[in-house]
Amino acid sequence: MTNAFAAILGGLKDVIFGRLTWLALLNLVVALTLTIGTATAIIRFVIPMIPDGAGWLGYLSTAGEVAASIAIAVLAIALSPAISMIVGGVLFDVAAERVEKKLGITGAQGVPLHQGLLNGLRIGIPALIVNLIVLPLYLIPVVNALVFYGLNGFLMGREYLTQTAVRRMAFSDAIALRKRKGLSVFLIGLACSFVPFFAPLVGASAMTRFINTSR
């Protein structure tokens, strides 16, 4: 687990103070805009269904609008990991390559831009579906935090390790490494889930560092 913590710190350092800062800001702006826009658009389809009227119907309408505002925030939180993964898929391999050069790692295979987008979709869509399925749990205090961080930490760790590892080894070897280092992979994914809009860049750096010290 020591390697995992060192990799996390290295990933955060690369994003905050290192050569990934501008990529991270780009990911933040695009992912945040898409997240808020998507959540708002979904809720706007729901608000017109709330009846207007006088008396108790008026109170019902006002309550519905307040609930819709809260729902936008909850939905945005639920959408943020998946949308960040999709957007970050385009930047993931660019970030991994920069960290590899910094660490002097050679022999990695580059990934075309369109493949990076496909990888982002492959990672983000399952995360989106799962987060929407458990959306009601995000309304329950304490449970919401456990579910959000635990679930997305698992998803991010699993996919970021695989996506990084296949740059330098066969897919079957990447899966074997992921299974062998399961707890460490989860811890790195968990750290990424705490910074969802920066997660792909932190994940790319942390997993590159972790694999480099774990083979």
C-alpha atoms as a PDB file:
ATOM      1  CA  MET A   1       0.000   0.000   0.000  1.00  0.00           C
ATOM      2  CA  THR A   2       3.003   2.288   0.427  1.00  0.00           C
ATOM      3  CA  ASN A   3       3.389   2.384  -3.349  1.00  0.00           C
ATOM      4  CA  ALA A   4      -0.262   3.369  -3.682  1.00  0.00           C
ATOM      5  CA  PHE A   5       0.029   6.317  -1.292  1.00  0.00           C
ATOM      6  CA  ALA A   6       3.226   7.494  -2.978  1.00  0.00           C
ATOM      7  CA  ALA A   7       1.509   7.231  -6.371  1.00  0.00           C
ATOM      8  CA  ILE A   8      -1.491   9.241  -5.143  1.00  0.00           C
ATOM      9  CA  LEU A   9       0.732  12.009  -3.783  1.00  0.00           C
ATOM     10  CA  GLY A  10       2.708  12.048  -7.019  1.00  0.00           C
ATOM     11  CA  GLY A  11      -0.492  12.242  -9.059  1.00  0.00           C
ATOM     12  CA  LEU A  12      -1.858  15.131  -7.016  1.00  0.00           C
ATOM     13  CA  LYS A  13       1.475  16.930  -7.267  1.00  0.00           C
ATOM     14  CA  ASP A  14       1.532  16.532 -11.062  1.00  0.00           C
ATOM     15  CA  VAL A  15      -1.975  17.964 -11.338  1.00  0.00           C
ATOM     16  CA  ILE A  16      -1.594  20.835  -8.870  1.00  0.00           C
ATOM     17  CA  PHE A  17       2.009  21.904  -9.406  1.00  0.00           C
ATOM     18  CA  GLY A  18       3.316  19.852 -12.317  1.00  0.00           C
ATOM     19  CA  ARG A  19       3.066  19.359 -16.037  1.00  0.00           C
ATOM     20  CA  LEU A  20      -0.585  18.238 -15.918  1.00  0.00           C
ATOM     21  CA  THR A  21      -2.011  21.438 -14.426  1.00  0.00           C
ATOM     22  CA  TRP A  22      -3.296  22.939 -17.686  1.00  0.00           C
ATOM     23  CA  LEU A  23      -4.776  19.628 -18.815  1.00  0.00           C
ATOM     24  CA  ALA A  24      -6.515  19.332 -15.453  1.00  0.00           C
ATOM     25  CA  LEU A  25      -7.979  22.830 -15.747  1.00  0.00           C
ATOM     26  CA  LEU A  26      -9.227  22.031 -19.247  1.00  0.00           C
ATOM     27  CA  ASN A  27     -10.843  18.841 -17.979  1.00  0.00           C
ATOM     28  CA  LEU A  28     -12.397  20.773 -15.079  1.00  0.00           C
ATOM     29  CA  VAL A  29     -13.958  23.476 -17.254  1.00  0.00           C
ATOM     30  CA  VAL A  30     -15.357  21.121 -19.902  1.00  0.00           C
ATOM     31  CA  ALA A  31     -16.587  18.447 -17.479  1.00  0.00           C
ATOM     32  CA  LEU A  32     -18.115  20.958 -15.043  1.00  0.00           C
ATOM     33  CA  THR A  33     -19.934  22.766 -17.860  1.00  0.00           C
ATOM     34  CA  LEU A  34     -21.315  19.533 -19.301  1.00  0.00           C
ATOM     35  CA  THR A  35     -22.316  18.240 -15.860  1.00  0.00           C
ATOM     36  CA  ILE A  36     -24.266  21.342 -14.844  1.00  0.00           C
ATOM     37  CA  GLY A  37     -25.780  21.696 -18.307  1.00  0.00           C
ATOM     38  CA  THR A  38     -26.915  18.082 -18.418  1.00  0.00           C
ATOM     39  CA  ALA A  39     -28.391  18.136 -14.912  1.00  0.00           C
ATOM     40  CA  THR A  40     -30.209  21.418 -15.585  1.00  0.00           C
ATOM     41  CA  ALA A  41     -31.595  20.193 -18.908  1.00  0.00           C
ATOM     42  CA  ILE A  42     -32.961  17.025 -17.315  1.00  0.00           C
ATOM     43  CA  ILE A  43     -34.671  18.921 -14.511  1.00  0.00           C
ATOM     44  CA  ARG A  44     -36.158  21.461 -16.950  1.00  0.00           C
ATOM     45  CA  PHE A  45     -38.048  18.625 -18.550  1.00  0.00           C
ATOM     46  CA  VAL A  46     -39.498  17.752 -15.143  1.00  0.00           C
ATOM     47  CA  ILE A  47     -40.475  21.239 -13.883  1.00  0.00           C
ATOM     48  CA  PRO A  48     -43.185  21.835 -16.559  1.00  0.00           C
ATOM     49  CA  MET A  49     -44.907  18.711 -15.265  1.00  0.00           C
ATOM     50  CA  ILE A  50     -45.434  20.372 -11.873  1.00  0.00           C
ATOM     51  CA  PRO A  51     -49.001  21.744 -11.738  1.00  0.00           C
ATOM     52  CA  ASP A  52     -49.630  25.481 -11.193  1.00  0.00           C
ATOM     53  CA  GLY A  53     -52.621  26.749  -9.291  1.00  0.00           C
ATOM     54  CA  ALA A  54     -54.028  28.620  -6.312  1.00  0.00           C
ATOM     55  CA  GLY A  55     -54.399  27.428  -2.753  1.00  0.00           C
ATOM     56  CA  TRP A  56     -52.733  24.157  -1.928  1.00  0.00           C
ATOM     57  CA  LEU A  57     -51.795  23.674  -5.571  1.00  0.00           C
ATOM     58  CA  GLY A  58     -49.732  26.855  -5.354  1.00  0.00           C
ATOM     59  CA  TYR A  59     -47.849  25.495  -2.354  1.00  0.00           C
ATOM     60  CA  LEU A  60     -47.359  22.231  -4.206  1.00  0.00           C
ATOM     61  CA  SER A  61     -45.937  24.074  -7.207  1.00  0.00           C
ATOM     62  CA  THR A  62     -43.508  26.068  -5.051  1.00  0.00           C
ATOM     63  CA  ALA A  63     -42.420  22.940  -3.200  1.00  0.00           C
ATOM     64  CA  GLY A  64     -41.904  21.198  -6.509  1.00  0.00           C
ATOM     65  CA  GLU A  65     -39.649  23.979  -7.790  1.00  0.00           C
ATOM     66  CA  VAL A  66     -37.582  23.890  -4.583  1.00  0.00           C
ATOM     67  CA  ALA A  67     -37.293  20.118  -4.866  1.00  0.00           C
ATOM     68  CA  ALA A  68     -36.223  20.507  -8.490  1.00  0.00           C
ATOM     69  CA  SER A  69     -33.428  22.887  -7.464  1.00  0.00           C
ATOM     70  CA  ILE A  70     -32.178  20.370  -4.917  1.00  0.00           C
ATOM     71  CA  ALA A  71     -32.479  17.637  -7.510  1.00  0.00           C
ATOM     72  CA  ILE A  72     -30.223  19.568  -9.893  1.00  0.00           C
ATOM     73  CA  ALA A  73     -27.469  19.624  -7.277  1.00  0.00           C
ATOM     74  CA  VAL A  74     -27.879  15.931  -6.425  1.00  0.00           C
ATOM     75  CA  LEU A  75     -28.039  14.935 -10.073  1.00  0.00           C
ATOM     76  CA  ALA A  76     -24.960  17.015 -10.906  1.00  0.00           C
ATOM     77  CA  ILE A  77     -23.036  15.212  -8.158  1.00  0.00           C
ATOM     78  CA  ALA A  78     -24.180  11.847  -9.503  1.00  0.00           C
ATOM     79  CA  LEU A  79     -23.239  12.762 -13.081  1.00  0.00           C
ATOM     80  CA  SER A  80     -19.870  14.342 -12.311  1.00  0.00           C
ATOM     81  CA  PRO A  81     -17.696  11.192 -12.137  1.00  0.00           C
ATOM     82  CA  ALA A  82     -19.057   9.701 -15.362  1.00  0.00           C
ATOM     83  CA  ILE A  83     -18.869  12.918 -17.390  1.00  0.00           C
ATOM     84  CA  SER A  84     -15.377  13.616 -16.077  1.00  0.00           C
ATOM     85  CA  MET A  85     -14.331  10.104 -17.129  1.00  0.00           C
ATOM     86  CA  ILE A  86     -15.717  10.620 -20.627  1.00  0.00           C
ATOM     87  CA  VAL A  87     -14.075  14.019 -21.080  1.00  0.00           C
ATOM     88  CA  GLY A  88     -10.871  12.844 -19.411  1.00  0.00           C
ATOM     89  CA  GLY A  89     -10.654   9.844 -21.720  1.00  0.00           C
ATOM     90  CA  VAL A  90      -9.434  12.178 -24.455  1.00  0.00           C
ATOM     91  CA  LEU A  91      -6.737  13.631 -22.181  1.00  0.00           C
ATOM     92  CA  PHE A  92      -5.867  10.471 -20.235  1.00  0.00           C
ATOM     93  CA  ASP A  93      -3.175   9.103 -22.513  1.00  0.00           C
ATOM     94  CA  VAL A  94      -1.714  12.550 -23.127  1.00  0.00           C
ATOM     95  CA  ALA A  95      -1.305  12.883 -19.367  1.00  0.00           C
ATOM     96  CA  ALA A  96       0.108   9.362 -19.004  1.00  0.00           C
ATOM     97  CA  GLU A  97       2.653  10.037 -21.738  1.00  0.00           C
ATOM     98  CA  ARG A  98       3.825  13.230 -20.044  1.00  0.00           C
ATOM     99  CA  VAL A  99       4.307  11.429 -16.736  1.00  0.00           C
ATOM    100  CA  GLU A 100       6.137   8.567 -18.471  1.00  0.00           C
ATOM    101  CA  LYS A 101       8.574  11.063 -19.980  1.00  0.00           C
ATOM    102  CA  LYS A 102       9.040  12.720 -16.604  1.00  0.00           C
ATOM    103  CA  LEU A 103       9.850   9.358 -14.988  1.00  0.00           C
ATOM    104  CA  GLY A 104      11.972   8.171 -17.891  1.00  0.00           C
ATOM    105  CA  ILE A 105       9.667   5.257 -18.737  1.00  0.00           C
ATOM    106  CA  THR A 106      10.121   3.904 -22.263  1.00  0.00           C
ATOM    107  CA  GLY A 107       8.311   1.368 -24.429  1.00  0.00           C
ATOM    108  CA  ALA A 108       4.762   2.614 -23.850  1.00  0.00           C
ATOM    109  CA  GLN A 109       2.330   2.494 -26.755  1.00  0.00           C
ATOM    110  CA  GLY A 110       0.592   5.712 -27.756  1.00  0.00           C
ATOM    111  CA  VAL A 111      -3.184   5.835 -28.101  1.00  0.00           C
ATOM    112  CA  PRO A 112      -4.856   7.803 -30.941  1.00  0.00           C
ATOM    113  CA  LEU A 113      -7.224  10.635 -30.005  1.00  0.00           C
ATOM    114  CA  HIS A 114     -10.331   8.798 -31.222  1.00  0.00           C
ATOM    115  CA  GLN A 115      -9.324   5.705 -29.228  1.00  0.00           C
ATOM    116  CA  GLY A 116      -8.940   7.874 -26.142  1.00  0.00           C
ATOM    117  CA  LEU A 117     -12.488   9.130 -26.614  1.00  0.00           C
ATOM    118  CA  LEU A 118     -13.757   5.572 -27.029  1.00  0.00           C
ATOM    119  CA  ASN A 119     -11.905   4.567 -23.876  1.00  0.00           C
ATOM    120  CA  GLY A 120     -13.529   7.463 -22.035  1.00  0.00           C
ATOM    121  CA  LEU A 121     -16.959   6.339 -23.196  1.00  0.00           C
ATOM    122  CA  ARG A 122     -16.207   2.741 -22.247  1.00  0.00           C
ATOM    123  CA  ILE A 123     -15.292   3.864 -18.737  1.00  0.00           C
ATOM    124  CA  GLY A 124     -17.829   6.667 -18.317  1.00  0.00           C
ATOM    125  CA  ILE A 125     -21.047   5.101 -19.616  1.00  0.00           C
ATOM    126  CA  PRO A 126     -21.093   2.168 -17.143  1.00  0.00           C
ATOM    127  CA  ALA A 127     -20.277   4.638 -14.355  1.00  0.00           C
ATOM    128  CA  LEU A 128     -23.127   6.879 -15.521  1.00  0.00           C
ATOM    129  CA  ILE A 129     -25.614   4.007 -15.561  1.00  0.00           C
ATOM    130  CA  VAL A 130     -24.580   2.723 -12.140  1.00  0.00           C
ATOM    131  CA  ASN A 131     -24.686   6.205 -10.574  1.00  0.00           C
ATOM    132  CA  LEU A 132     -28.172   6.807 -11.952  1.00  0.00           C
ATOM    133  CA  ILE A 133     -29.352   3.435 -10.607  1.00  0.00           C
ATOM    134  CA  VAL A 134     -28.191   4.296  -7.079  1.00  0.00           C
ATOM    135  CA  LEU A 135     -29.368   7.927  -7.346  1.00  0.00           C
ATOM    136  CA  PRO A 136     -32.067   7.511  -4.610  1.00  0.00           C
ATOM    137  CA  LEU A 137     -29.315   6.534  -2.155  1.00  0.00           C
ATOM    138  CA  TYR A 138     -27.662   9.922  -2.696  1.00  0.00           C
ATOM    139  CA  LEU A 139     -30.596  11.493  -0.852  1.00  0.00           C
ATOM    140  CA  ILE A 140     -29.779   9.603   2.359  1.00  0.00           C
ATOM    141  CA  PRO A 141     -27.198  11.292   4.634  1.00  0.00           C
ATOM    142  CA  VAL A 142     -24.017   9.296   5.348  1.00  0.00           C
ATOM    143  CA  VAL A 143     -25.150   6.528   3.006  1.00  0.00           C
ATOM    144  CA  ASN A 144     -24.769   8.921   0.070  1.00  0.00           C
ATOM    145  CA  ALA A 145     -21.090   9.555   0.843  1.00  0.00           C
ATOM    146  CA  LEU A 146     -20.303   5.881   1.370  1.00  0.00           C
ATOM    147  CA  VAL A 147     -22.018   4.866  -1.856  1.00  0.00           C
ATOM    148  CA  PHE A 148     -20.628   7.733  -3.948  1.00  0.00           C
ATOM    149  CA  TYR A 149     -16.986   7.385  -2.918  1.00  0.00           C
ATOM    150  CA  GLY A 150     -16.969   3.611  -2.569  1.00  0.00           C
ATOM    151  CA  LEU A 151     -18.696   2.942  -5.885  1.00  0.00           C
ATOM    152  CA  ASN A 152     -16.806   5.510  -7.946  1.00  0.00           C
ATOM    153  CA  GLY A 153     -13.525   4.665  -6.249  1.00  0.00           C
ATOM    154  CA  PHE A 154     -13.957   1.054  -7.338  1.00  0.00           C
ATOM    155  CA  LEU A 155     -14.911   2.005 -10.902  1.00  0.00           C
ATOM    156  CA  MET A 156     -12.126   4.553 -11.312  1.00  0.00           C
ATOM    157  CA  GLY A 157      -9.418   2.358  -9.831  1.00  0.00           C
ATOM    158  CA  ARG A 158     -10.418  -0.612 -11.936  1.00  0.00           C
ATOM    159  CA  GLU A 159     -10.555   1.228 -15.244  1.00  0.00           C
ATOM    160  CA  TYR A 160      -7.680   3.669 -14.748  1.00  0.00           C
ATOM    161  CA  LEU A 161      -5.306   0.825 -13.848  1.00  0.00           C
ATOM    162  CA  THR A 162      -6.337  -1.157 -16.921  1.00  0.00           C
ATOM    163  CA  GLN A 163      -6.179   1.839 -19.248  1.00  0.00           C
ATOM    164  CA  THR A 164      -2.695   2.755 -18.016  1.00  0.00           C
ATOM    165  CA  ALA A 165      -1.344  -0.781 -17.912  1.00  0.00           C
ATOM    166  CA  VAL A 166      -2.277  -1.678 -21.501  1.00  0.00           C
ATOM    167  CA  ARG A 167       0.080   1.035 -22.686  1.00  0.00           C
ATOM    168  CA  ARG A 168       2.954  -1.155 -21.519  1.00  0.00           C
ATOM    169  CA  MET A 169       1.700  -4.742 -21.311  1.00  0.00           C
ATOM    170  CA  ALA A 170      -0.807  -7.206 -22.727  1.00  0.00           C
ATOM    171  CA  PHE A 171      -4.442  -6.838 -21.663  1.00  0.00           C
ATOM    172  CA  SER A 172      -4.358 -10.193 -19.845  1.00  0.00           C
ATOM    173  CA  ASP A 173      -1.310  -9.057 -17.873  1.00  0.00           C
ATOM    174  CA  ALA A 174      -3.076  -5.793 -17.004  1.00  0.00           C
ATOM    175  CA  ILE A 175      -6.056  -7.723 -15.621  1.00  0.00           C
ATOM    176  CA  ALA A 176      -3.746  -9.994 -13.626  1.00  0.00           C
ATOM    177  CA  LEU A 177      -1.965  -6.967 -12.145  1.00  0.00           C
ATOM    178  CA  ARG A 178      -5.297  -5.375 -11.258  1.00  0.00           C
ATOM    179  CA  LYS A 179      -6.422  -8.500  -9.415  1.00  0.00           C
ATOM    180  CA  ARG A 180      -3.085  -8.956  -7.657  1.00  0.00           C
ATOM    181  CA  LYS A 181      -3.004  -5.356  -6.413  1.00  0.00           C
ATOM    182  CA  GLY A 182      -6.721  -4.993  -5.768  1.00  0.00           C
ATOM    183  CA  LEU A 183      -6.592  -3.023  -2.505  1.00  0.00           C
ATOM    184  CA  SER A 184      -3.958  -0.581  -3.764  1.00  0.00           C
ATOM    185  CA  VAL A 185      -5.885  -0.084  -7.008  1.00  0.00           C
ATOM    186  CA  PHE A 186      -9.036   0.677  -5.017  1.00  0.00           C
ATOM    187  CA  LEU A 187      -7.211   3.173  -2.785  1.00  0.00           C
ATOM    188  CA  ILE A 188      -5.946   5.080  -5.823  1.00  0.00           C
ATOM    189  CA  GLY A 189      -9.436   5.037  -7.336  1.00  0.00           C
ATOM    190  CA  LEU A 190     -10.883   6.202  -4.029  1.00  0.00           C
ATOM    191  CA  ALA A 191      -8.499   9.152  -3.986  1.00  0.00           C
ATOM    192  CA  CYS A 192      -9.576  10.013  -7.538  1.00  0.00           C
ATOM    193  CA  SER A 193     -13.252   9.902  -6.533  1.00  0.00           C
ATOM    194  CA  PHE A 194     -12.622  12.751  -4.059  1.00  0.00           C
ATOM    195  CA  VAL A 195     -11.575  15.004  -6.946  1.00  0.00           C
ATOM    196  CA  PRO A 196     -14.014  13.875  -9.673  1.00  0.00           C
ATOM    197  CA  PHE A 197     -13.368  16.745 -12.095  1.00  0.00           C
ATOM    198  CA  PHE A 198      -9.619  16.097 -11.940  1.00  0.00           C
ATOM    199  CA  ALA A 199      -9.897  12.316 -11.569  1.00  0.00           C
ATOM    200  CA  PRO A 200      -8.698  11.209 -15.048  1.00  0.00           C
ATOM    201  CA  LEU A 201      -5.506  13.275 -14.785  1.00  0.00           C
ATOM    202  CA  VAL A 202      -4.762  12.261 -11.199  1.00  0.00           C
ATOM    203  CA  GLY A 203      -5.546   8.679 -12.170  1.00  0.00           C
ATOM    204  CA  ALA A 204      -3.269   8.741 -15.230  1.00  0.00           C
ATOM    205  CA  SER A 205      -0.342  10.045 -13.202  1.00  0.00           C
ATOM    206  CA  ALA A 206      -0.925   7.924 -10.096  1.00  0.00           C
ATOM    207  CA  MET A 207      -1.436   4.689 -12.024  1.00  0.00           C
ATOM    208  CA  THR A 208       1.629   5.324 -14.201  1.00  0.00           C
ATOM    209  CA  ARG A 209       3.707   5.767 -11.055  1.00  0.00           C
ATOM    210  CA  PHE A 210       2.095   2.807  -9.309  1.00  0.00           C
ATOM    211  CA  ILE A 211       2.634   0.382 -12.211  1.00  0.00           C
ATOM    212  CA  ASN A 212       6.228   1.553 -12.538  1.00  0.00           C
ATOM    213  CA  THR A 213       6.950   0.453  -8.961  1.00  0.00           C
ATOM    214  CA  SER A 214       4.743  -2.654  -8.856  1.00  0.00           C
ATOM    215  CA  ARG A 215       5.879  -4.827 -11.753  1.00  0.00           C
END
